[in-house]
Protein backbone atom coordinates (compact mmCIF):
# COMPACT_ATOMS: atom_id res chain seq x y z
CA MET A 1 168.73 92.86 159.77
CA THR A 2 165.15 92.99 161.07
CA ALA A 3 162.75 95.89 161.24
CA PRO A 4 160.65 97.01 164.20
CA ALA A 5 156.93 96.31 164.06
CA PRO A 6 155.07 98.61 161.67
CA ILE A 7 153.18 101.59 163.01
CA ARG A 8 149.67 100.83 164.19
CA ALA A 9 146.72 103.15 164.53
CA GLU A 10 144.48 101.49 167.07
CA ALA A 11 145.75 103.14 170.24
CA ARG A 12 145.95 106.70 168.96
CA HIS A 13 143.50 109.57 169.42
CA VAL A 14 141.07 110.21 166.54
CA PRO A 15 140.67 113.99 166.08
CA GLU A 16 137.41 115.84 165.69
CA VAL A 17 136.64 117.28 162.27
CA ARG A 18 135.47 120.85 161.59
CA ARG A 19 133.42 121.34 158.40
CA GLU A 20 133.39 124.55 156.40
CA LYS A 21 131.54 125.72 153.31
CA GLY A 22 132.29 128.79 151.26
CA GLN A 23 134.46 130.03 148.42
CA ARG A 24 136.98 127.41 147.25
CA GLU A 25 140.40 127.81 145.63
CA VAL A 26 141.18 124.53 143.89
CA PHE A 27 141.74 123.11 140.41
CA CYS A 28 138.89 121.22 138.76
CA GLY A 29 138.86 117.47 138.13
CA LEU A 30 140.00 117.91 134.52
CA THR A 31 143.55 118.20 135.83
CA GLY A 32 143.66 114.46 136.50
CA ILE A 33 143.84 113.90 132.74
CA VAL A 34 147.42 115.20 132.84
CA TRP A 35 148.68 112.10 134.66
CA LEU A 36 145.98 109.61 133.61
CA HIS A 37 146.67 109.98 129.87
CA ARG A 38 150.32 109.13 130.52
CA LYS A 39 149.41 106.13 132.63
CA MET A 40 147.10 104.56 130.03
CA PRO A 41 148.71 105.03 126.60
CA ASP A 42 145.91 103.25 124.75
CA ALA A 43 143.25 105.62 126.14
CA PHE A 44 142.12 109.01 124.88
CA PHE A 45 140.41 111.74 126.92
CA LEU A 46 138.01 113.99 125.02
CA VAL A 47 136.87 116.89 127.17
CA VAL A 48 133.52 118.32 126.15
CA GLY A 49 134.08 121.87 127.27
CA SER A 50 135.16 125.42 126.52
CA ARG A 51 138.37 127.00 125.27
CA THR A 52 139.21 127.64 128.91
CA CYS A 53 139.21 123.87 129.52
CA ALA A 54 141.54 123.42 126.53
CA HIS A 55 143.91 126.12 127.76
CA LEU A 56 143.97 124.61 131.26
CA LEU A 57 145.02 121.19 129.96
CA GLN A 58 147.56 122.56 127.49
CA SER A 59 149.16 124.70 130.19
CA ALA A 60 149.13 122.02 132.89
CA ALA A 61 150.51 119.31 130.60
CA GLY A 62 153.06 121.50 128.86
CA VAL A 63 152.25 119.91 125.49
CA MET A 64 154.28 121.24 122.57
CA ILE A 65 152.43 122.55 119.55
CA PHE A 66 153.71 119.74 117.31
CA ALA A 67 152.96 116.97 119.81
CA GLU A 68 149.93 114.73 119.37
CA PRO A 69 148.77 114.05 122.93
CA ARG A 70 146.11 111.60 124.03
CA PHE A 71 143.63 114.26 125.09
CA ALA A 72 141.70 117.01 123.35
CA THR A 73 138.76 119.34 123.85
CA ALA A 74 135.54 119.32 121.85
CA ILE A 75 134.86 123.05 122.08
CA ILE A 76 131.38 124.14 123.11
CA GLU A 77 130.75 127.38 121.21
CA GLU A 78 128.31 130.19 121.92
CA ARG A 79 125.80 128.75 119.44
CA ASP A 80 125.92 125.47 121.39
CA LEU A 81 125.24 127.26 124.67
CA ALA A 82 122.39 129.14 123.03
CA GLY A 83 120.75 125.89 121.90
CA MET A 84 121.20 126.71 118.21
CA ALA A 85 123.14 123.51 117.41
CA ASP A 86 122.41 119.82 117.77
CA LEU A 87 125.11 118.92 120.29
CA ASP A 88 124.59 115.18 119.92
CA ALA A 89 125.17 115.41 116.18
CA GLU A 90 128.23 117.61 116.65
CA LEU A 91 129.69 115.26 119.25
CA ASP A 92 129.07 112.27 116.95
CA ARG A 93 130.96 114.09 114.18
CA VAL A 94 133.92 114.97 116.43
CA VAL A 95 134.20 111.43 117.83
CA GLY A 96 133.95 109.92 114.33
CA ARG A 97 136.78 112.11 113.06
CA LEU A 98 138.89 111.37 116.15
CA LEU A 99 138.57 107.58 115.90
CA ALA A 100 139.22 107.64 112.14
CA ARG A 101 142.40 109.62 112.71
CA ARG A 102 143.56 107.70 115.78
CA PRO A 103 142.62 104.03 115.19
CA GLU A 104 144.97 102.92 117.99
CA ILE A 105 142.56 104.25 120.63
CA ARG A 106 141.09 101.36 122.62
CA THR A 107 139.31 103.34 125.37
CA LEU A 108 137.75 106.74 124.82
CA PHE A 109 136.69 108.82 127.81
CA LEU A 110 134.13 111.58 127.25
CA VAL A 111 134.91 113.99 130.07
CA GLY A 112 132.28 116.42 131.28
CA SER A 113 133.15 120.02 132.17
CA CYS A 114 131.42 123.03 133.68
CA PRO A 115 129.88 124.11 130.34
CA SER A 116 128.60 120.61 129.52
CA GLU A 117 127.10 120.34 133.01
CA VAL A 118 125.43 123.76 132.71
CA ILE A 119 123.70 122.87 129.44
CA LYS A 120 122.78 119.41 130.82
CA LEU A 121 124.53 117.45 128.08
CA ASP A 122 123.91 113.78 128.84
CA LEU A 123 127.39 112.33 128.28
CA PRO A 124 126.66 108.85 129.71
CA ARG A 125 123.86 108.46 127.16
CA ALA A 126 126.12 109.85 124.42
CA ALA A 127 128.83 107.33 125.36
CA ARG A 128 126.38 104.44 125.08
CA ARG A 129 125.11 105.70 121.72
CA LEU A 130 128.61 106.21 120.32
CA ALA A 131 129.72 102.76 121.47
CA ASP A 132 127.07 101.07 119.32
CA GLY A 133 128.70 99.59 116.24
CA ARG A 134 132.22 100.20 117.54
CA PRO A 135 133.25 96.96 119.24
CA GLU A 136 136.94 97.78 118.82
CA VAL A 137 136.80 100.73 121.25
CA ARG A 138 135.30 101.10 124.73
CA ILE A 139 133.59 104.50 125.16
CA LEU A 140 132.99 105.71 128.71
CA SER A 141 132.18 108.99 130.39
CA TYR A 142 132.83 110.76 133.66
CA SER A 143 132.65 114.29 135.01
CA GLY A 144 135.69 116.50 135.57
CA SER A 145 133.54 119.60 136.05
CA GLY A 146 134.72 122.12 138.60
CA ILE A 147 131.08 122.39 139.67
CA GLU A 148 131.12 118.75 140.77
CA THR A 149 134.77 117.83 141.35
CA THR A 150 138.03 119.18 142.70
CA PHE A 151 141.50 118.38 141.39
CA THR A 152 142.20 114.72 142.26
CA GLU A 153 138.52 113.73 142.18
CA GLY A 154 138.95 113.52 138.42
CA GLU A 155 141.00 110.36 138.89
CA ASP A 156 138.38 108.91 141.22
CA ALA A 157 135.65 109.59 138.66
CA CYS A 158 137.71 108.08 135.85
CA LEU A 159 138.54 104.88 137.73
CA ALA A 160 134.95 104.61 138.95
CA ALA A 161 133.86 104.64 135.29
CA LEU A 162 136.23 101.75 134.57
CA VAL A 163 135.14 99.52 137.48
CA PRO A 164 131.84 98.28 135.92
CA THR A 165 133.67 97.31 132.72
CA ALA A 166 136.27 95.12 134.43
CA PRO A 167 135.76 91.34 134.06
CA ALA A 168 134.33 89.33 136.94
CA LEU A 169 136.55 86.86 138.75
CA PRO A 170 134.99 83.38 138.88
CA PRO A 171 133.72 82.30 142.32
CA GLY A 172 136.28 80.34 144.28
CA ASP A 173 139.30 81.90 142.58
CA ALA A 174 142.48 82.19 144.66
CA PRO A 175 142.80 85.57 146.41
CA GLU A 176 144.41 88.28 144.30
CA LEU A 177 145.84 91.61 145.43
CA MET A 178 144.93 94.76 143.54
CA ILE A 179 146.67 98.12 144.05
CA VAL A 180 144.19 100.91 143.31
CA GLY A 181 145.33 104.34 142.21
CA ALA A 182 147.47 105.75 139.41
CA LEU A 183 151.17 105.46 140.25
CA PRO A 184 154.23 106.48 138.22
CA ASP A 185 155.62 103.47 136.39
CA ILE A 186 158.84 103.51 138.40
CA VAL A 187 156.89 103.33 141.68
CA GLU A 188 154.62 100.60 140.34
CA ASP A 189 157.71 98.56 139.37
CA GLN A 190 159.21 99.00 142.85
CA PHE A 191 156.03 97.81 144.56
CA ALA A 192 155.70 94.89 142.14
CA ARG A 193 159.23 93.73 143.02
CA MET A 194 158.54 94.12 146.73
CA PHE A 195 155.32 92.07 146.56
CA ALA A 196 157.12 89.39 144.52
CA GLU A 197 159.84 89.16 147.19
CA LEU A 198 157.13 88.79 149.83
CA GLY A 199 155.74 85.86 147.85
CA LEU A 200 152.56 87.51 146.53
CA GLY A 201 152.39 86.26 142.97
CA ARG A 202 148.90 87.47 142.00
CA VAL A 203 149.20 91.26 142.13
CA ARG A 204 147.46 93.62 139.67
CA PHE A 205 147.44 97.40 139.39
CA PHE A 206 144.35 99.50 138.68
CA PRO A 207 144.76 101.41 136.47
CA GLY A 208 147.48 99.41 134.79
CA ARG A 209 149.45 100.45 131.74
CA SER A 210 146.61 99.51 129.42
CA ALA A 211 143.08 100.83 129.79
CA SER A 212 141.81 97.96 127.63
CA SER A 213 143.23 95.22 129.89
CA LEU A 214 141.60 95.47 133.30
CA PRO A 215 142.08 93.15 136.27
CA GLY A 216 139.24 90.86 137.24
CA ILE A 217 137.15 91.88 140.25
CA GLY A 218 135.22 89.67 142.64
CA PRO A 219 134.97 88.33 146.20
CA SER A 220 138.53 86.98 145.98
CA THR A 221 139.91 90.47 145.26
CA ARG A 222 141.77 92.16 148.11
CA PHE A 223 142.68 95.75 147.36
CA LEU A 224 144.95 98.40 148.83
CA LEU A 225 144.30 102.05 148.05
CA ALA A 226 147.45 103.81 146.91
CA GLN A 227 145.69 107.20 146.92
CA PRO A 228 143.39 108.59 149.65
CA PHE A 229 140.97 110.33 147.26
CA LEU A 230 139.43 107.22 145.66
CA GLY A 231 136.24 107.06 147.72
CA GLU A 232 133.78 106.30 144.90
CA THR A 233 136.14 103.82 143.26
CA ALA A 234 136.54 101.94 146.55
CA ARG A 235 132.76 101.87 147.05
CA LEU A 236 132.16 100.40 143.58
CA LEU A 237 134.87 97.79 144.08
CA GLU A 238 133.26 96.71 147.35
CA ASP A 239 129.87 96.59 145.63
CA ARG A 240 131.40 93.95 143.35
CA GLY A 241 132.58 91.92 146.35
CA ALA A 242 136.18 93.13 146.62
CA VAL A 243 137.58 93.58 150.13
CA ARG A 244 139.52 96.71 151.08
CA LEU A 245 142.61 96.23 153.24
CA ALA A 246 142.68 99.03 155.81
CA ALA A 247 146.08 100.67 156.13
CA PRO A 248 147.88 104.00 156.28
CA PHE A 249 149.09 105.20 152.89
CA PRO A 250 152.60 104.41 151.61
CA PHE A 251 154.26 107.74 152.38
CA GLY A 252 157.57 107.57 154.24
CA ALA A 253 159.32 104.64 155.88
CA GLU A 254 156.63 103.92 158.47
CA GLY A 255 153.63 104.52 156.23
CA THR A 256 155.01 102.26 153.52
CA THR A 257 155.86 99.57 156.09
CA ALA A 258 152.31 99.59 157.48
CA TRP A 259 150.79 99.58 153.98
CA LEU A 260 152.86 96.58 152.90
CA HIS A 261 152.18 94.86 156.22
CA ALA A 262 148.41 95.05 155.62
CA ALA A 263 148.84 93.06 152.39
CA ALA A 264 151.31 90.62 153.95
CA THR A 265 148.93 89.89 156.83
CA ALA A 266 145.94 89.39 154.51
CA PHE A 267 147.89 86.88 152.40
CA GLY A 268 149.47 85.01 155.31
CA VAL A 269 153.08 86.06 154.80
CA ASP A 270 155.34 84.90 157.62
CA GLU A 271 156.14 87.83 159.93
CA MET A 272 159.88 87.12 160.01
CA HIS A 273 160.01 86.87 156.23
CA PHE A 274 158.13 90.16 155.96
CA ARG A 275 160.62 91.92 158.23
CA GLN A 276 163.60 90.54 156.33
CA VAL A 277 162.21 91.61 152.95
CA ILE A 278 161.28 95.16 153.88
CA ALA A 279 164.24 95.91 156.18
CA PRO A 280 166.73 97.18 153.54
CA GLY A 281 164.23 99.52 151.88
CA ARG A 282 162.88 100.73 155.19
CA GLU A 283 166.35 101.54 156.50
CA ARG A 284 167.25 103.41 153.29
CA ALA A 285 164.05 105.41 153.62
CA LYS A 286 164.74 106.29 157.26
CA ARG A 287 168.29 107.44 156.46
CA ALA A 288 167.05 109.55 153.54
CA ILE A 289 164.39 111.21 155.73
CA GLU A 290 166.88 111.81 158.53
CA ARG A 291 168.95 114.09 156.27
CA HIS A 292 166.06 116.57 156.26
CA ARG A 293 164.87 116.15 159.83
CA ALA A 294 167.23 118.80 161.23
CA LEU A 295 165.56 121.43 159.04
CA LEU A 296 162.00 120.13 159.31
CA GLY A 297 161.93 119.11 162.97
CA GLY A 298 159.93 121.48 165.14
CA LYS A 299 158.66 123.54 162.20
CA ARG A 300 154.96 124.39 162.12
CA ILE A 301 152.99 123.52 158.97
CA PHE A 302 149.50 124.51 157.80
CA PHE A 303 147.70 122.56 155.05
CA LEU A 304 145.10 124.39 152.98
CA PRO A 305 142.70 122.07 151.08
CA ASP A 306 143.73 121.05 147.59
CA SER A 307 144.69 117.46 146.67
CA GLN A 308 143.12 115.29 149.42
CA LEU A 309 146.66 114.11 150.22
CA GLU A 310 146.73 116.48 153.19
CA VAL A 311 145.96 114.03 156.02
CA PRO A 312 148.50 111.29 155.14
CA LEU A 313 151.16 113.88 154.35
CA ALA A 314 150.54 115.60 157.70
CA ARG A 315 150.91 112.21 159.40
CA PHE A 316 154.19 111.58 157.59
CA LEU A 317 155.60 114.99 158.46
CA ALA A 318 154.52 114.76 162.10
CA THR A 319 155.54 111.17 162.89
CA GLU A 320 158.62 110.82 160.68
CA CYS A 321 159.97 114.36 160.23
CA GLY A 322 159.08 115.96 163.57
CA MET A 323 156.94 118.77 162.13
CA ALA A 324 153.96 120.20 164.03
CA PRO A 325 150.68 120.42 162.04
CA VAL A 326 148.95 123.69 162.93
CA GLU A 327 145.82 122.73 160.97
CA VAL A 328 145.09 120.14 158.30
CA CYS A 329 142.40 121.20 155.82
CA THR A 330 141.24 118.88 153.04
CA PRO A 331 138.56 119.32 150.33
CA TYR A 332 136.78 116.08 151.28
CA LEU A 333 137.48 113.66 154.10
CA HIS A 334 136.86 109.97 153.38
CA ALA A 335 136.79 109.12 157.07
CA ARG A 336 136.71 105.35 156.55
CA ASN A 337 139.59 105.29 154.06
CA LEU A 338 141.61 107.65 156.26
CA ALA A 339 140.78 106.16 159.66
CA GLU A 340 144.28 104.75 160.18
CA GLU A 341 145.89 108.04 159.15
CA LEU A 342 143.65 110.17 161.36
CA ALA A 343 144.43 107.99 164.36
CA LEU A 344 148.17 108.54 163.86
CA LEU A 345 148.06 112.33 163.79
CA PRO A 346 149.31 114.10 166.94
CA GLU A 347 146.53 114.44 169.49
CA GLY A 348 144.71 117.74 169.17
CA THR A 349 145.56 118.34 165.50
CA PRO A 350 142.75 120.52 164.05
CA ILE A 351 141.16 118.87 161.00
CA THR A 352 138.93 120.81 158.60
CA GLU A 353 136.86 119.38 155.76
CA GLY A 354 135.85 121.78 153.00
CA GLN A 355 136.86 125.37 152.51
CA ASP A 356 135.89 128.89 153.31
CA VAL A 357 139.03 130.41 151.84
CA ASP A 358 138.75 133.76 153.63
CA LEU A 359 138.35 132.19 157.06
CA GLN A 360 141.20 129.76 156.44
CA LEU A 361 143.51 132.52 155.23
CA ASP A 362 142.66 134.50 158.37
CA ARG A 363 143.82 131.53 160.45
CA VAL A 364 147.01 131.19 158.41
CA ARG A 365 147.82 134.86 158.98
CA ALA A 366 147.07 134.59 162.67
CA GLU A 367 149.21 131.46 163.14
CA ARG A 368 152.03 132.46 160.74
CA PRO A 369 153.26 128.86 160.30
CA ASP A 370 156.77 128.12 159.05
CA LEU A 371 155.29 126.52 155.94
CA THR A 372 151.86 126.63 154.25
CA VAL A 373 150.88 123.97 151.72
CA CYS A 374 148.37 125.45 149.27
CA GLY A 375 147.25 125.79 145.68
CA LEU A 376 149.01 127.93 143.09
CA GLY A 377 146.44 130.71 143.33
CA LEU A 378 147.18 131.32 147.02
CA ALA A 379 150.94 130.77 147.08
CA ASN A 380 152.14 134.09 145.64
CA PRO A 381 149.90 136.30 147.83
CA LEU A 382 151.08 134.44 150.94
CA GLU A 383 154.71 134.67 149.85
CA ALA A 384 154.22 138.42 149.41
CA GLU A 385 153.17 138.52 153.08
CA GLY A 386 156.40 136.83 154.12
CA LEU A 387 155.04 133.29 154.51
CA ALA A 388 156.88 130.31 153.00
CA THR A 389 154.62 128.14 150.85
CA LYS A 390 154.64 124.76 149.15
CA TRP A 391 152.64 124.14 145.97
CA ALA A 392 150.25 121.28 146.66
CA ILE A 393 150.07 120.36 142.97
CA GLU A 394 153.75 119.32 142.97
CA LEU A 395 152.90 116.58 145.47
CA VAL A 396 150.64 114.96 142.88
CA PHE A 397 152.96 115.20 139.88
CA THR A 398 156.08 114.00 141.73
CA PRO A 399 156.73 110.33 142.64
CA ILE A 400 156.34 110.28 146.44
CA HIS A 401 155.09 106.78 147.31
CA GLY A 402 157.22 104.01 148.77
CA PHE A 403 160.59 103.53 150.43
CA GLU A 404 162.74 104.80 147.57
CA GLN A 405 160.87 108.12 147.31
CA ALA A 406 160.69 108.84 151.07
CA GLY A 407 163.72 111.11 151.03
CA ASP A 408 162.43 112.95 147.96
CA LEU A 409 159.11 113.49 149.74
CA ALA A 410 160.82 115.05 152.76
CA GLU A 411 162.96 117.16 150.41
CA LEU A 412 159.84 118.65 148.82
CA PHE A 413 158.97 120.24 152.16
CA ALA A 414 162.54 121.12 153.11
CA ARG A 415 163.20 122.98 149.86
CA PRO A 416 160.92 126.02 150.44
CA LEU A 417 162.25 126.38 153.99
CA ARG A 418 165.81 126.31 152.68
CA ARG A 419 164.90 128.86 150.01
CA ARG A 420 163.35 131.14 152.64
CA ASP A 421 166.50 130.97 154.77
CA LEU A 422 168.71 131.83 151.77
CA LEU A 423 166.51 134.80 150.87
CA ARG A 424 166.75 136.11 154.42
CA VAL A 425 170.56 136.01 154.22
C-alpha cells in the first residue's frame, strides 16, 4: 500500500496577522517544569520565588505530600524583598543543602520567577558561582517569570539554557538528525522506530531522557522542531551551525506525514521506500480521525491565546477534521517556524498575535463559535454563557504528536461538543 504525496505549503495563501496588546490570561513559564522534570529524571528544578510559585507547581503537578519530586521552591520572604537578607548567601545555603540531600542530581536549573525578577536577583551569575567547585553537577539558570514568559515559553527558555552546554560535533561528521522539543516517552519511542525503518540511524532527541547526556551540535546537525514554541532554542541551534528542516508540525495524519517527509528528503531516503514505511501508520491515523469527523466537520472553532500550539492545531482541525477556524489567537507567532502551517490554513483565517483579553472575549461572544479553546481562567465564565470550551492546557499534557495519537487528538476536541449535546438533552 502506498500513500499519497504529503501535504505541501507552497501554493497556499499566507494570512495577514493582527497584533494586540493588553491584559493577558495565561499561565507563566514555571508550568513547563511539570513536564520537563518528568522528561529529565537526573535534573532538578529549583524555583527562586514566592509561596504562590510553590502552590502553582504543587497544584499543577498533583504531587502527593509524601512524594519527593525533582522540583522545589526557594521561598523569597518579606525580609528578602525588603533587602534585609543577603540573597546570595541564602541561595548558596539552600543549594548546598539540596545537593547534599540529593546527590543523584546531575543538572540543577535555577528558575527565575516574578519575585526574583522584581528584586533583580542575578541568577545567571549565581549559577556560575554555585557551579565552581562542583564538577559533578551542571548548574544552569533560566527565567520562568510571568513577567517575561507565558506557559510553554518555559520549555523554550530551559532548552535554550542547555544548548550552549551541549558538546560540539567535529567538522566533517556525517549528518545527524535531532528532534527538538520535549515529547512523552511513548511518542519519542514511536518516532525513533519510524526513523529507524526509514533508514535514519543517527537520530537524537533534545531533550533526551538524561539532562547530563546531550547530543552534539554542529554544521552536520539537521533538526526538526517537534513543538512550535521553541523560537529561542532554534535560534541558538542555528547559531552553532545546525540547520532547521522546515516542515508542518506532526499533528494528525497529514501533518505527521509532512514532518517525516522533511527529514526523509534531507537524508536522501528513497521516495517509494518512504511511502511504504509511513503508509500503515498514516492509514491508521486517517481512520482514527474519520471516526470524529462527523461530529467535528462544519463546526466553528475559536482559539484564544495560551500554549502557542494554536496555529498547527487550527491547521489540523481545518484540513483533516473539516472544522472552520473563526479566529486563531496565539501569545507569540514565530512566523518563520510556522510558515508552513500558516500557508496551510484556510484562506481568510484571522490570525492574532498577543492578547487584549476583553477585546478577544467580545469577539467570541459576537461570533458564538461551536467551540472555544482557552485557558482555565476563561473556560468557566464562557461555559456559564452557554459556550462550549476546551482547556488549552490539556493539549500540552496529553500525548498528541504522531500517527498513533491522531485519533486521540481529534477526540480531545470532539469530547466537549459531545458533552454539550448530552447536556442539552
